[in-house]
Protein backbone atom coordinates (compact mmCIF):
# COMPACT_ATOMS: atom_id res chain seq x y z
CA MET A 1 10.58 25.55 16.50
CA ILE A 2 7.88 23.44 18.11
CA LYS A 3 7.96 22.46 21.76
CA SER A 4 5.65 19.95 23.42
CA TYR A 5 4.81 18.96 26.98
CA SER A 6 2.89 15.88 28.13
CA ALA A 7 0.77 15.46 31.24
CA PHE A 8 -1.18 12.60 32.82
CA THR A 9 -3.58 12.03 35.69
CA SER A 10 -5.45 9.09 37.17
CA GLU A 11 -7.55 11.30 39.45
CA ILE A 12 -11.10 10.89 38.24
CA ASP A 13 -13.15 11.72 41.35
CA ASP A 14 -11.84 15.19 42.27
CA VAL A 15 -11.83 17.63 39.34
CA GLU A 16 -9.78 20.26 41.19
CA VAL A 17 -7.07 17.81 42.16
CA ALA A 18 -6.89 16.45 38.60
CA ILE A 19 -6.64 19.93 37.08
CA SER A 20 -3.94 20.90 39.54
CA GLU A 21 -1.92 17.83 38.55
CA ILE A 22 -2.19 18.65 34.85
CA LEU A 23 -1.33 22.34 35.27
CA GLU A 24 1.66 21.48 37.46
CA GLN A 25 3.02 19.18 34.76
CA LEU A 26 2.34 21.45 31.77
CA GLU A 27 3.27 24.78 33.38
CA PRO A 28 1.40 26.72 30.64
CA GLU A 29 2.23 30.16 32.07
CA LYS A 30 5.93 29.37 31.65
CA ASN A 31 5.91 27.20 28.53
CA CYS A 32 3.25 28.55 26.15
CA LEU A 33 4.58 30.35 23.08
CA LYS A 34 2.63 32.41 20.50
CA TYR A 35 0.54 29.53 19.17
CA THR A 36 -0.63 26.69 21.42
CA VAL A 37 -3.00 23.74 21.02
CA ALA A 38 -3.42 20.41 22.80
CA VAL A 39 -4.23 16.82 21.88
CA VAL A 40 -6.01 14.70 24.48
CA ALA A 41 -6.77 10.99 24.85
CA CYS A 42 -8.68 9.68 27.84
CA TYR A 43 -11.20 7.44 29.54
CA TYR A 44 -14.66 8.75 28.66
CA GLU A 45 -15.63 9.85 32.18
CA PHE A 46 -13.06 12.64 32.04
CA ALA A 47 -15.29 14.16 29.34
CA THR A 48 -18.69 13.42 30.86
CA SER A 49 -17.67 14.60 34.36
CA GLY A 50 -16.96 18.15 33.21
CA PHE A 51 -13.23 17.84 33.91
CA ILE A 52 -12.10 18.61 30.35
CA ALA A 53 -14.48 21.56 30.05
CA GLU A 54 -13.04 23.06 33.23
CA LEU A 55 -9.48 22.31 32.11
CA TYR A 56 -10.14 24.11 28.82
CA ARG A 57 -11.36 27.17 30.71
CA ARG A 58 -8.19 27.17 32.80
CA LEU A 59 -5.83 26.64 29.85
CA GLY A 60 -7.46 29.04 27.41
CA PHE A 61 -6.17 27.39 24.23
CA PRO A 62 -7.82 24.83 21.90
CA ILE A 63 -8.10 21.18 22.94
CA ILE A 64 -9.06 18.37 20.59
CA GLY A 65 -9.00 14.62 21.02
CA ALA A 66 -10.99 11.47 21.52
CA THR A 67 -11.92 8.92 24.11
CA ALA A 68 -9.88 5.71 24.14
CA THR A 69 -9.67 2.33 25.88
CA ALA A 70 -6.10 2.84 27.09
CA ILE A 71 -3.47 5.58 26.89
CA SER A 72 0.22 6.21 27.44
CA THR A 73 2.42 9.29 27.89
CA ASN A 74 5.85 10.06 29.32
CA ARG A 75 4.12 10.54 32.68
CA GLY A 76 2.20 7.29 32.91
CA PHE A 77 -0.14 4.80 31.24
CA GLY A 78 -3.44 3.10 32.01
CA GLN A 79 -7.06 2.46 31.08
CA LEU A 80 -9.05 4.83 33.32
CA ASP A 81 -6.82 7.87 32.90
CA PHE A 82 -6.35 11.20 31.14
CA SER A 83 -3.47 12.34 28.94
CA ILE A 84 -2.72 15.60 27.19
CA LEU A 85 0.03 16.76 24.85
CA MET A 86 0.48 20.54 24.75
CA ILE A 87 2.03 21.70 21.46
CA THR A 88 3.35 25.24 21.23
CA SER A 89 5.40 27.37 18.84
CA ASP A 90 6.35 30.89 17.79
CA ASP A 91 6.86 30.10 14.10
CA ALA A 92 4.42 27.26 13.38
CA VAL A 93 0.83 28.50 13.21
CA LEU A 94 -1.53 26.15 15.07
CA THR A 95 -5.30 26.63 14.90
CA ALA A 96 -8.29 24.41 15.65
CA ALA A 97 -11.90 24.02 14.59
CA CYS A 98 -14.81 21.64 15.01
CA SER A 99 -17.51 20.60 12.57
CA ASP A 100 -21.23 20.83 13.00
CA SER A 101 -23.13 17.56 13.30
CA LEU A 102 -22.23 15.05 10.57
CA GLY A 103 -25.64 13.41 10.77
CA ASP A 104 -26.75 14.74 7.37
CA GLY A 105 -23.48 14.44 5.46
CA LEU A 106 -19.81 15.34 5.51
CA GLU A 107 -19.09 17.82 2.72
CA GLU A 108 -20.71 21.01 4.01
CA PRO A 109 -19.69 20.56 7.69
CA PHE A 110 -16.13 19.81 6.57
CA LYS A 111 -16.00 22.86 4.29
CA LYS A 112 -17.15 25.13 7.11
CA MET A 113 -14.79 23.54 9.65
CA TYR A 114 -11.75 23.81 7.41
CA ARG A 115 -12.57 27.40 6.44
CA GLU A 116 -12.73 28.35 10.13
CA ALA A 117 -9.47 26.53 10.89
CA LEU A 118 -7.65 28.40 8.10
CA GLU A 119 -8.19 31.78 9.75
CA GLY A 120 -4.80 33.13 10.83
CA HIS A 121 -2.76 31.10 8.35
CA ALA A 122 -0.69 33.05 5.82
CA GLU A 123 0.89 29.92 4.32
CA GLU A 124 -0.50 26.66 2.99
CA PRO A 125 -1.08 24.11 5.77
CA LYS A 126 1.37 21.23 6.10
CA LEU A 127 -0.53 19.03 8.55
CA ILE A 128 -4.03 18.35 9.82
CA LEU A 129 -4.44 16.49 13.11
CA GLY A 130 -7.91 15.01 13.42
CA ALA A 131 -10.32 13.45 15.90
CA ALA A 132 -13.15 11.58 14.20
CA PRO A 133 -16.41 10.16 15.56
CA LEU A 134 -17.23 6.46 15.48
CA MET A 135 -20.38 6.64 13.33
CA LEU A 136 -21.17 3.25 11.84
CA ASN A 137 -23.03 4.77 8.87
CA TYR A 138 -19.67 6.10 7.67
CA ALA A 139 -16.57 4.19 6.70
CA GLY A 140 -13.35 5.76 7.87
CA ASP A 141 -12.47 6.23 4.19
CA HIS A 142 -15.40 8.64 3.89
CA TYR A 143 -13.83 10.99 6.44
CA VAL A 144 -10.43 10.81 4.76
CA ASP A 145 -11.80 11.42 1.28
CA ALA A 146 -14.02 14.32 2.36
CA LEU A 147 -11.32 16.15 4.31
CA SER A 148 -8.72 15.52 1.60
CA LYS A 149 -11.11 17.06 -0.91
CA VAL A 150 -11.76 20.26 1.01
CA SER A 151 -8.08 20.67 1.98
CA ASP A 152 -6.59 19.77 -1.43
CA GLY A 153 -4.77 16.79 0.02
CA VAL A 154 -3.05 18.30 3.06
CA PRO A 155 -1.50 15.40 5.05
CA HIS A 156 -4.03 14.24 7.62
CA PHE A 157 -3.24 12.21 10.74
CA GLY A 158 -5.79 11.16 13.32
CA THR A 159 -7.98 8.67 15.14
CA LEU A 160 -11.57 7.51 15.49
CA ALA A 161 -13.02 7.73 18.98
CA ILE A 162 -13.48 4.49 20.90
CA ASP A 163 -14.37 3.52 24.47
CA ASN A 164 -14.52 0.64 26.95
CA THR A 165 -18.24 -0.15 26.63
CA ILE A 166 -19.52 -3.21 24.76
CA ASP A 167 -21.38 -1.15 22.14
CA TYR A 168 -19.00 1.86 22.05
CA SER A 169 -21.82 4.04 23.35
CA GLU A 170 -19.46 6.39 25.20
CA SER A 171 -17.14 7.17 22.29
CA TYR A 172 -16.70 10.93 22.06
CA VAL A 173 -14.83 13.50 20.04
CA ILE A 174 -13.55 16.19 22.40
CA PHE A 175 -13.28 19.82 21.34
CA ASN A 176 -12.59 22.49 23.94
CA ASP A 177 -15.46 22.25 26.44
CA ARG A 178 -17.59 19.94 24.26
CA PHE A 179 -17.83 16.18 23.87
CA GLU A 180 -19.95 14.84 21.02
CA LYS A 181 -20.64 11.62 19.12
CA ASP A 182 -21.19 13.14 15.68
CA VAL A 183 -18.64 15.92 15.16
CA TYR A 184 -15.10 16.10 13.81
CA GLY A 185 -12.28 18.13 15.37
CA ILE A 186 -9.09 19.28 13.66
CA ILE A 187 -5.85 21.13 14.33
CA VAL A 188 -4.35 22.81 11.26
CA CYS A 189 -0.60 23.48 11.19
CA SER A 190 1.46 25.69 8.87
CA GLY A 191 4.81 27.48 8.95
CA ASN A 192 7.89 25.88 10.49
CA ILE A 193 6.70 22.29 10.76
CA ASN A 194 7.85 19.20 8.84
CA PRO A 195 5.72 16.18 9.79
CA LYS A 196 6.93 12.63 9.30
CA PHE A 197 4.59 9.64 9.16
CA LEU A 198 4.94 5.91 9.62
CA TYR A 199 2.55 3.00 9.96
CA ALA A 200 2.81 -0.75 10.43
CA SER A 201 0.44 -3.68 10.66
CA PHE A 202 1.02 -7.32 11.55
CA SER A 203 3.81 -9.34 9.96
CA SER A 204 3.04 -11.23 6.74
CA ASN A 205 3.51 -14.65 8.39
CA PHE A 206 0.32 -13.96 10.38
CA ILE A 207 -1.81 -13.75 7.21
CA LEU A 208 -3.64 -17.00 6.38
CA ALA A 209 -3.16 -18.46 2.89
CA GLN A 210 -6.83 -19.14 2.08
CA THR A 211 -8.42 -16.37 -0.02
CA ALA A 212 -12.02 -15.28 -0.62
CA THR A 213 -13.76 -12.60 -2.67
CA ILE A 214 -16.18 -9.84 -1.65
CA THR A 215 -19.05 -10.43 -4.07
CA LYS A 216 -21.58 -8.01 -2.64
CA ALA A 217 -21.05 -4.90 -0.52
CA GLU A 218 -22.42 -1.42 -0.10
CA GLY A 219 -19.84 1.01 1.21
CA ASN A 220 -18.68 -0.46 4.49
CA LEU A 221 -21.49 -3.05 4.67
CA LEU A 222 -20.14 -6.52 3.87
CA GLN A 223 -23.10 -8.49 2.46
CA GLU A 224 -21.78 -11.50 0.51
CA ILE A 225 -18.51 -13.42 0.29
CA ASP A 226 -17.85 -15.90 -2.53
CA GLY A 227 -21.46 -15.51 -3.68
CA ALA A 228 -23.00 -16.53 -0.35
CA PRO A 229 -24.28 -14.50 2.62
CA THR A 230 -21.49 -13.23 4.81
CA ILE A 231 -22.78 -15.22 7.77
CA ASP A 232 -22.24 -18.46 5.81
CA TYR A 233 -18.58 -17.59 5.31
CA MET A 234 -18.25 -16.76 8.99
CA GLU A 235 -19.66 -20.15 9.96
CA LYS A 236 -17.33 -21.87 7.48
CA MET A 237 -14.34 -20.16 9.09
CA GLY A 238 -15.50 -20.93 12.64
CA LEU A 239 -16.40 -17.31 13.38
CA ALA A 240 -20.15 -17.91 13.71
CA GLU A 241 -22.51 -20.68 14.75
CA ASN A 242 -26.24 -21.08 14.08
CA GLY A 243 -26.41 -17.63 12.55
CA LYS A 244 -24.73 -15.88 15.47
CA VAL A 245 -21.27 -14.38 15.14
CA SER A 246 -18.47 -15.01 17.59
CA ASN A 247 -17.57 -12.38 20.18
CA ILE A 248 -14.04 -12.33 18.77
CA LEU A 249 -15.13 -11.41 15.24
CA HIS A 250 -14.28 -7.72 15.64
CA ALA A 251 -10.70 -8.73 16.48
CA VAL A 252 -10.17 -10.68 13.24
CA PRO A 253 -8.28 -8.76 10.51
CA PHE A 254 -9.56 -8.88 6.93
CA VAL A 255 -6.50 -8.29 4.74
CA LEU A 256 -7.62 -6.92 1.38
CA ASP A 257 -5.64 -7.02 -1.85
CA HIS A 258 -6.90 -3.56 -2.69
CA ASP A 259 -7.62 -2.99 -6.42
CA GLY A 260 -5.60 -6.12 -7.22
CA GLU A 261 -2.37 -4.19 -6.64
CA GLY A 262 -0.98 -6.53 -4.01
CA ILE A 263 -0.95 -3.69 -1.47
CA PRO A 264 -2.43 -5.04 1.79
CA VAL A 265 -5.22 -2.99 3.31
CA SER A 266 -6.58 -4.26 6.61
CA ARG A 267 -10.19 -3.96 7.78
CA VAL A 268 -12.22 -5.11 10.78
CA ILE A 269 -15.92 -5.73 11.35
CA LEU A 270 -17.09 -3.35 14.07
CA ALA A 271 -20.69 -4.51 14.36
CA TRP A 272 -23.34 -6.81 12.90
CA ASP A 273 -26.48 -5.06 11.68
CA GLU A 274 -30.12 -6.19 11.71
CA ASN A 275 -29.87 -7.49 8.12
CA GLY A 276 -27.00 -9.82 8.92
CA TYR A 277 -24.39 -7.60 7.30
CA GLY A 278 -20.97 -6.88 8.72
CA VAL A 279 -20.44 -3.19 9.45
CA CYS A 280 -16.77 -2.66 8.66
CA GLY A 281 -14.39 0.08 9.70
CA GLY A 282 -13.56 0.93 6.09
CA LEU A 283 -14.85 0.46 2.57
CA MET A 284 -15.18 -3.13 1.28
CA PRO A 285 -15.11 -2.87 -2.54
CA GLU A 286 -16.89 -5.58 -4.50
CA GLY A 287 -14.54 -7.89 -6.37
CA THR A 288 -11.74 -7.46 -3.84
CA ARG A 289 -9.94 -10.60 -2.74
CA PHE A 290 -8.92 -10.96 0.88
CA CYS A 291 -7.35 -13.25 3.45
CA LEU A 292 -7.94 -13.43 7.17
CA GLY A 293 -5.18 -12.50 9.57
CA THR A 294 -4.30 -13.62 13.06
CA TRP A 295 -2.82 -11.79 16.02
CA ASP A 296 0.24 -12.55 18.10
CA LYS A 297 1.28 -10.62 21.20
CA SER A 298 4.97 -10.56 20.35
CA ASP A 299 4.20 -9.31 16.84
CA VAL A 300 1.99 -6.48 18.14
CA LEU A 301 4.65 -5.33 20.58
CA GLY A 302 7.43 -5.80 18.06
CA THR A 303 5.79 -3.76 15.31
CA THR A 304 5.03 -0.96 17.77
CA VAL A 305 8.62 -0.77 19.02
CA ARG A 306 10.02 -0.86 15.48
CA THR A 307 7.66 1.91 14.39
CA ILE A 308 8.76 4.11 17.28
CA GLU A 309 12.44 3.48 16.70
CA ASP A 310 12.15 4.10 12.96
CA VAL A 311 10.20 7.36 13.25
CA MET A 312 12.60 8.58 15.94
CA LEU A 313 15.43 8.42 13.38
CA ASN A 314 14.11 11.65 11.85
CA GLU A 315 16.15 14.68 12.80
CA GLY A 316 14.72 17.78 14.43
CA ILE A 317 11.57 16.23 15.88
CA SER A 318 10.17 17.34 19.25
CA THR A 319 6.70 15.80 19.27
CA LEU A 320 5.33 12.29 18.74
CA ILE A 321 1.69 11.19 18.43
CA LEU A 322 0.83 7.49 18.17
CA PHE A 323 -2.39 5.53 17.70
CA SER A 324 -2.85 1.76 17.69
CA CYS A 325 -5.93 -0.08 16.49
CA LEU A 326 -8.16 -1.40 19.25
CA ALA A 327 -8.11 -4.81 17.54
CA ARG A 328 -4.35 -5.09 18.21
CA SER A 329 -5.02 -4.98 21.94
CA TYR A 330 -6.98 -8.25 21.78
CA ALA A 331 -3.75 -10.12 21.04
CA LEU A 332 -2.47 -9.08 24.47
CA GLY A 333 -4.92 -11.31 26.33
CA THR A 334 -5.05 -10.52 30.03
CA ASP A 335 -1.91 -8.37 29.75
CA ILE A 336 -4.05 -5.54 28.43
CA LEU A 337 -1.60 -2.75 29.19
CA ALA A 338 1.40 -4.46 27.59
CA GLU A 339 1.48 -2.17 24.54
CA THR A 340 0.94 1.04 26.49
CA GLU A 341 3.70 0.01 28.88
CA LYS A 342 6.04 -0.96 26.04
CA VAL A 343 5.51 2.45 24.41
CA ASN A 344 6.28 4.15 27.72
CA GLU A 345 9.44 2.09 28.21
CA THR A 346 10.65 2.58 24.63
CA ILE A 347 10.20 6.36 24.49
CA ALA A 348 10.80 7.16 28.18
CA GLU A 349 11.86 10.83 28.28
CA ARG A 350 13.36 10.96 24.78
CA ILE A 351 10.50 13.02 23.35
CA PRO A 352 7.09 14.24 24.58
CA TYR A 353 4.42 11.91 23.25
CA VAL A 354 0.86 10.69 23.55
CA PHE A 355 -0.36 7.21 22.59
CA SER A 356 -3.87 5.74 22.63
CA TYR A 357 -5.97 3.00 21.15
CA SER A 358 -8.11 3.88 18.16
CA GLY A 359 -11.34 2.87 16.48
CA GLY A 360 -9.64 3.47 13.12
CA GLU A 361 -6.36 5.06 12.11
CA ILE A 362 -5.84 7.94 9.67
CA CYS A 363 -2.30 8.27 8.36
CA PRO A 364 -0.68 9.24 5.05
CA VAL A 365 1.14 6.42 3.30
CA SER A 366 4.03 8.83 2.58
CA ASP A 367 5.25 12.24 3.77
CA SER A 368 3.88 14.01 0.67
CA ALA A 369 0.51 15.60 -0.03
CA ASN A 370 -2.41 13.64 -1.50
CA SER A 371 -1.40 10.39 0.20
CA ASN A 372 -3.97 10.27 3.00
CA SER A 373 -5.33 6.84 3.87
CA PHE A 374 -7.61 5.12 6.36
CA HIS A 375 -6.33 2.02 8.16
CA ASN A 376 -7.44 -0.73 10.52
CA ASN A 377 -5.19 -3.06 12.52
CA THR A 378 -2.23 -0.66 12.36
CA VAL A 379 -0.04 1.35 14.65
CA ILE A 380 0.53 4.82 13.21
CA ALA A 381 2.99 7.57 14.12
CA CYS A 382 3.32 11.27 13.39
CA ALA A 383 6.49 13.10 14.43
CA PHE A 384 7.38 16.77 13.97
């Protein structure tokens, strides 16, 4: 059996007060079982101030997570806050590990990380929870493919770090007392655990009819559309003017008909590089046709509520982790906490949970092995 406990604090100036609030809510001395880990989501200053490092020393069990632009738990929601979900069990083995720097590639750091995380497991893992860095030289698909390879397809659920700055310069992966921009953190779970996954994007009536084709791309760099430079397409669609892209471009969904299978895969442009290429959150295969999508506040909130209600239909769950793409928050306009509040209202005290915005979502497309996938513009859920 797995038990979970959520905690939340808005105290950012006094480390001791904040730690006291978290410990009072979690009661680790009373609630920790044989195996314990924690997932965190927070405003970046909770990492840079030394708060998380001190909290880790007090708790004494592994912590992984990522910075986010807004968070929600049973205890509260907000933008400049800290949340933690303590997960504990006697019969589900829970271990954690962190990679070395990913600056020179993924394969070897991932092999080492996964090997370290497997120590203490007598059975095959059933779930990997991950916290990934926002490194624009990698597509999110690269992380998914590399970890799936070293783990033989163990279901992988996680998020890419994000933050409130204009250039995402304070986006950190958090592991124990560390916060880094180029490492990957994981929790590996085996034994008595049966994870369930669900994801949703925007409704089909918010996908525009006009199609285009990616005619030149390199990985996640979008170079040409319909045989012309990407910037020309952006100007045609009103997303750029005089060679300069609109500030809202990173909020516009690109809905790909992946491999011509009619299965929608959504992507966003995170940045615009010095060559005039769009740096996308995921791979942009040449020859792929796509449409643009639009956002609607009611649709964002509706898909989130439906995802929660559907995943909560699973029996025997005691823990819920949710991530929503940062791009979805742009549909909320000035009501920037509408989704975090709606999550809080919908779940209330039914189950311990943590929710945060994400720079990219990692979620299997089914509950079976070898179905890991990277998403943009989605809300994803993992319950166990």
